[in-house]
Amino acid sequence: MTALRAFLVLAFATIAGYTAIVIAHHGLGLFAVFFGDLASVTWPGQFDLDFLCLLTLSAIWVAHRHRFRPIGLLLGLCALVGGVLFLSVYLLVAAARANGDAGSLLLGEHRRAR
């Protein structure tokens, strides 16, 4: 779990720093660029579609860990929109609560007890 936690901290810091630089130079036009790339049906669009599928998968997983209750749906939406900036913090908290139990981390504490 130590390696996972170290990676999550590094990923958060890297993405946060990179995002700050991009916003400073290009503004907040993320969605126009993202959907423009998708509409162009080019390699950047293919990459963005693949990334959207990964974000959707992470959102479904987060919601599933919370039994699709309202808080789980809200956290899933945060995963969908926030990407690694959200998911790294979410996983750091979940890993701390799991106390080294990978099953609890993956499935949620309520599922592991079965």
C-alpha atoms as a PDB file:
ATOM      1  CA  MET A   1       0.000   0.000   0.000  1.00  0.00           C
ATOM      2  CA  THR A   2       2.942   2.330   0.559  1.00  0.00           C
ATOM      3  CA  ALA A   3       3.854   2.291  -3.129  1.00  0.00           C
ATOM      4  CA  LEU A   4       0.224   2.967  -4.070  1.00  0.00           C
ATOM      5  CA  ARG A   5       0.008   5.895  -1.663  1.00  0.00           C
ATOM      6  CA  ALA A   6       3.287   7.338  -2.941  1.00  0.00           C
ATOM      7  CA  PHE A   7       2.062   7.051  -6.532  1.00  0.00           C
ATOM      8  CA  LEU A   8      -1.249   8.726  -5.678  1.00  0.00           C
ATOM      9  CA  VAL A   9       0.502  11.675  -4.025  1.00  0.00           C
ATOM     10  CA  LEU A  10       2.894  11.999  -6.975  1.00  0.00           C
ATOM     11  CA  ALA A  11       0.049  11.730  -9.507  1.00  0.00           C
ATOM     12  CA  PHE A  12      -2.011  14.374  -7.693  1.00  0.00           C
ATOM     13  CA  ALA A  13       0.919  16.801  -7.431  1.00  0.00           C
ATOM     14  CA  THR A  14       1.929  16.277 -11.067  1.00  0.00           C
ATOM     15  CA  ILE A  15      -1.574  16.679 -12.505  1.00  0.00           C
ATOM     16  CA  ALA A  16      -2.359  19.659 -10.252  1.00  0.00           C
ATOM     17  CA  GLY A  17       0.837  21.435 -11.298  1.00  0.00           C
ATOM     18  CA  TYR A  18       0.384  20.625 -14.982  1.00  0.00           C
ATOM     19  CA  THR A  19      -3.252  21.746 -14.857  1.00  0.00           C
ATOM     20  CA  ALA A  20      -2.292  25.051 -13.242  1.00  0.00           C
ATOM     21  CA  ILE A  21       0.229  25.747 -16.024  1.00  0.00           C
ATOM     22  CA  VAL A  22      -2.266  24.842 -18.777  1.00  0.00           C
ATOM     23  CA  ILE A  23      -4.964  27.057 -17.239  1.00  0.00           C
ATOM     24  CA  ALA A  24      -2.478  29.943 -16.935  1.00  0.00           C
ATOM     25  CA  HIS A  25      -1.530  29.670 -20.619  1.00  0.00           C
ATOM     26  CA  HIS A  26      -4.784  28.540 -22.235  1.00  0.00           C
ATOM     27  CA  GLY A  27      -7.643  29.343 -19.859  1.00  0.00           C
ATOM     28  CA  LEU A  28     -10.497  27.077 -18.832  1.00  0.00           C
ATOM     29  CA  GLY A  29     -11.590  25.955 -22.307  1.00  0.00           C
ATOM     30  CA  LEU A  30     -11.208  22.244 -21.545  1.00  0.00           C
ATOM     31  CA  PHE A  31     -14.631  21.048 -22.676  1.00  0.00           C
ATOM     32  CA  ALA A  32     -14.547  22.868 -26.025  1.00  0.00           C
ATOM     33  CA  VAL A  33     -11.158  21.314 -26.827  1.00  0.00           C
ATOM     34  CA  PHE A  34     -12.192  17.876 -25.542  1.00  0.00           C
ATOM     35  CA  PHE A  35     -15.440  17.660 -27.503  1.00  0.00           C
ATOM     36  CA  GLY A  36     -13.847  19.344 -30.525  1.00  0.00           C
ATOM     37  CA  ASP A  37     -11.237  16.588 -30.606  1.00  0.00           C
ATOM     38  CA  LEU A  38     -13.977  13.945 -30.344  1.00  0.00           C
ATOM     39  CA  ALA A  39     -15.919  15.512 -33.213  1.00  0.00           C
ATOM     40  CA  SER A  40     -12.825  15.636 -35.425  1.00  0.00           C
ATOM     41  CA  VAL A  41     -12.475  11.814 -35.450  1.00  0.00           C
ATOM     42  CA  THR A  42      -8.675  12.039 -35.343  1.00  0.00           C
ATOM     43  CA  TRP A  43      -6.050  10.522 -33.045  1.00  0.00           C
ATOM     44  CA  PRO A  44      -6.538  13.205 -30.377  1.00  0.00           C
ATOM     45  CA  GLY A  45     -10.255  12.395 -30.524  1.00  0.00           C
ATOM     46  CA  GLN A  46      -9.554   8.674 -30.194  1.00  0.00           C
ATOM     47  CA  PHE A  47      -7.393   9.354 -27.147  1.00  0.00           C
ATOM     48  CA  ASP A  48     -10.098  11.552 -25.610  1.00  0.00           C
ATOM     49  CA  LEU A  49     -12.767   8.882 -26.232  1.00  0.00           C
ATOM     50  CA  ASP A  50     -10.565   6.247 -24.588  1.00  0.00           C
ATOM     51  CA  PHE A  51      -9.974   8.626 -21.666  1.00  0.00           C
ATOM     52  CA  LEU A  52     -13.718   9.311 -21.373  1.00  0.00           C
ATOM     53  CA  CYS A  53     -14.337   5.559 -21.139  1.00  0.00           C
ATOM     54  CA  LEU A  54     -11.745   5.273 -18.342  1.00  0.00           C
ATOM     55  CA  LEU A  55     -13.314   8.205 -16.492  1.00  0.00           C
ATOM     56  CA  THR A  56     -16.746   6.609 -16.860  1.00  0.00           C
ATOM     57  CA  LEU A  57     -15.414   3.288 -15.584  1.00  0.00           C
ATOM     58  CA  SER A  58     -13.888   5.004 -12.550  1.00  0.00           C
ATOM     59  CA  ALA A  59     -17.166   6.839 -11.896  1.00  0.00           C
ATOM     60  CA  ILE A  60     -19.152   3.590 -11.999  1.00  0.00           C
ATOM     61  CA  TRP A  61     -16.638   1.901  -9.694  1.00  0.00           C
ATOM     62  CA  VAL A  62     -16.773   4.730  -7.143  1.00  0.00           C
ATOM     63  CA  ALA A  63     -20.583   4.743  -7.214  1.00  0.00           C
ATOM     64  CA  HIS A  64     -20.597   0.933  -6.859  1.00  0.00           C
ATOM     65  CA  ARG A  65     -18.355   1.099  -3.772  1.00  0.00           C
ATOM     66  CA  HIS A  66     -21.084   3.234  -2.197  1.00  0.00           C
ATOM     67  CA  ARG A  67     -23.947   0.978  -3.362  1.00  0.00           C
ATOM     68  CA  PHE A  68     -25.165   3.621  -5.821  1.00  0.00           C
ATOM     69  CA  ARG A  69     -26.579   5.652  -2.952  1.00  0.00           C
ATOM     70  CA  PRO A  70     -26.845   9.429  -3.442  1.00  0.00           C
ATOM     71  CA  ILE A  71     -23.384  10.070  -1.953  1.00  0.00           C
ATOM     72  CA  GLY A  72     -21.953   7.382  -4.231  1.00  0.00           C
ATOM     73  CA  LEU A  73     -23.570   8.936  -7.283  1.00  0.00           C
ATOM     74  CA  LEU A  74     -22.216  12.346  -6.297  1.00  0.00           C
ATOM     75  CA  LEU A  75     -18.724  10.926  -5.749  1.00  0.00           C
ATOM     76  CA  GLY A  76     -19.014   9.079  -9.070  1.00  0.00           C
ATOM     77  CA  LEU A  77     -19.823  12.349 -10.807  1.00  0.00           C
ATOM     78  CA  CYS A  78     -16.762  13.885  -9.149  1.00  0.00           C
ATOM     79  CA  ALA A  79     -14.672  10.980 -10.507  1.00  0.00           C
ATOM     80  CA  LEU A  80     -16.095  11.486 -13.989  1.00  0.00           C
ATOM     81  CA  VAL A  81     -15.347  15.210 -14.071  1.00  0.00           C
ATOM     82  CA  GLY A  82     -12.351  15.394 -11.725  1.00  0.00           C
ATOM     83  CA  GLY A  83     -10.253  12.556 -13.095  1.00  0.00           C
ATOM     84  CA  VAL A  84      -7.013  11.887 -11.235  1.00  0.00           C
ATOM     85  CA  LEU A  85      -7.306  15.097  -9.220  1.00  0.00           C
ATOM     86  CA  PHE A  86     -10.365  13.583  -7.536  1.00  0.00           C
ATOM     87  CA  LEU A  87      -9.549   9.880  -7.737  1.00  0.00           C
ATOM     88  CA  SER A  88      -6.080  10.187  -6.188  1.00  0.00           C
ATOM     89  CA  VAL A  89      -7.474  11.910  -3.088  1.00  0.00           C
ATOM     90  CA  TYR A  90     -10.436   9.507  -2.959  1.00  0.00           C
ATOM     91  CA  LEU A  91      -8.118   6.488  -3.105  1.00  0.00           C
ATOM     92  CA  LEU A  92      -5.768   7.915  -0.472  1.00  0.00           C
ATOM     93  CA  VAL A  93      -8.703   8.245   1.921  1.00  0.00           C
ATOM     94  CA  ALA A  94     -10.110   4.822   0.967  1.00  0.00           C
ATOM     95  CA  ALA A  95      -6.690   3.173   1.375  1.00  0.00           C
ATOM     96  CA  ALA A  96      -6.291   4.701   4.835  1.00  0.00           C
ATOM     97  CA  ARG A  97      -9.722   3.400   5.842  1.00  0.00           C
ATOM     98  CA  ALA A  98      -8.968  -0.066   4.409  1.00  0.00           C
ATOM     99  CA  ASN A  99      -5.972  -0.521   6.764  1.00  0.00           C
ATOM    100  CA  GLY A 100      -4.031  -2.586   4.235  1.00  0.00           C
ATOM    101  CA  ASP A 101      -7.004  -4.749   3.208  1.00  0.00           C
ATOM    102  CA  ALA A 102      -7.006  -4.701  -0.607  1.00  0.00           C
ATOM    103  CA  GLY A 103     -10.446  -6.339  -0.803  1.00  0.00           C
ATOM    104  CA  SER A 104     -11.948  -3.599   1.313  1.00  0.00           C
ATOM    105  CA  LEU A 105     -10.191  -0.984  -0.811  1.00  0.00           C
ATOM    106  CA  LEU A 106     -11.521  -2.440  -4.057  1.00  0.00           C
ATOM    107  CA  LEU A 107     -15.039  -3.374  -2.999  1.00  0.00           C
ATOM    108  CA  GLY A 108     -15.775  -1.056  -0.107  1.00  0.00           C
ATOM    109  CA  GLU A 109     -15.915  -1.954   3.560  1.00  0.00           C
ATOM    110  CA  HIS A 110     -19.531  -3.118   3.419  1.00  0.00           C
ATOM    111  CA  ARG A 111     -18.827  -5.661   0.655  1.00  0.00           C
ATOM    112  CA  ARG A 112     -15.712  -7.194   2.184  1.00  0.00           C
ATOM    113  CA  ALA A 113     -17.501  -8.469   5.293  1.00  0.00           C
ATOM    114  CA  ARG A 114     -19.620 -10.932   3.309  1.00  0.00           C
END
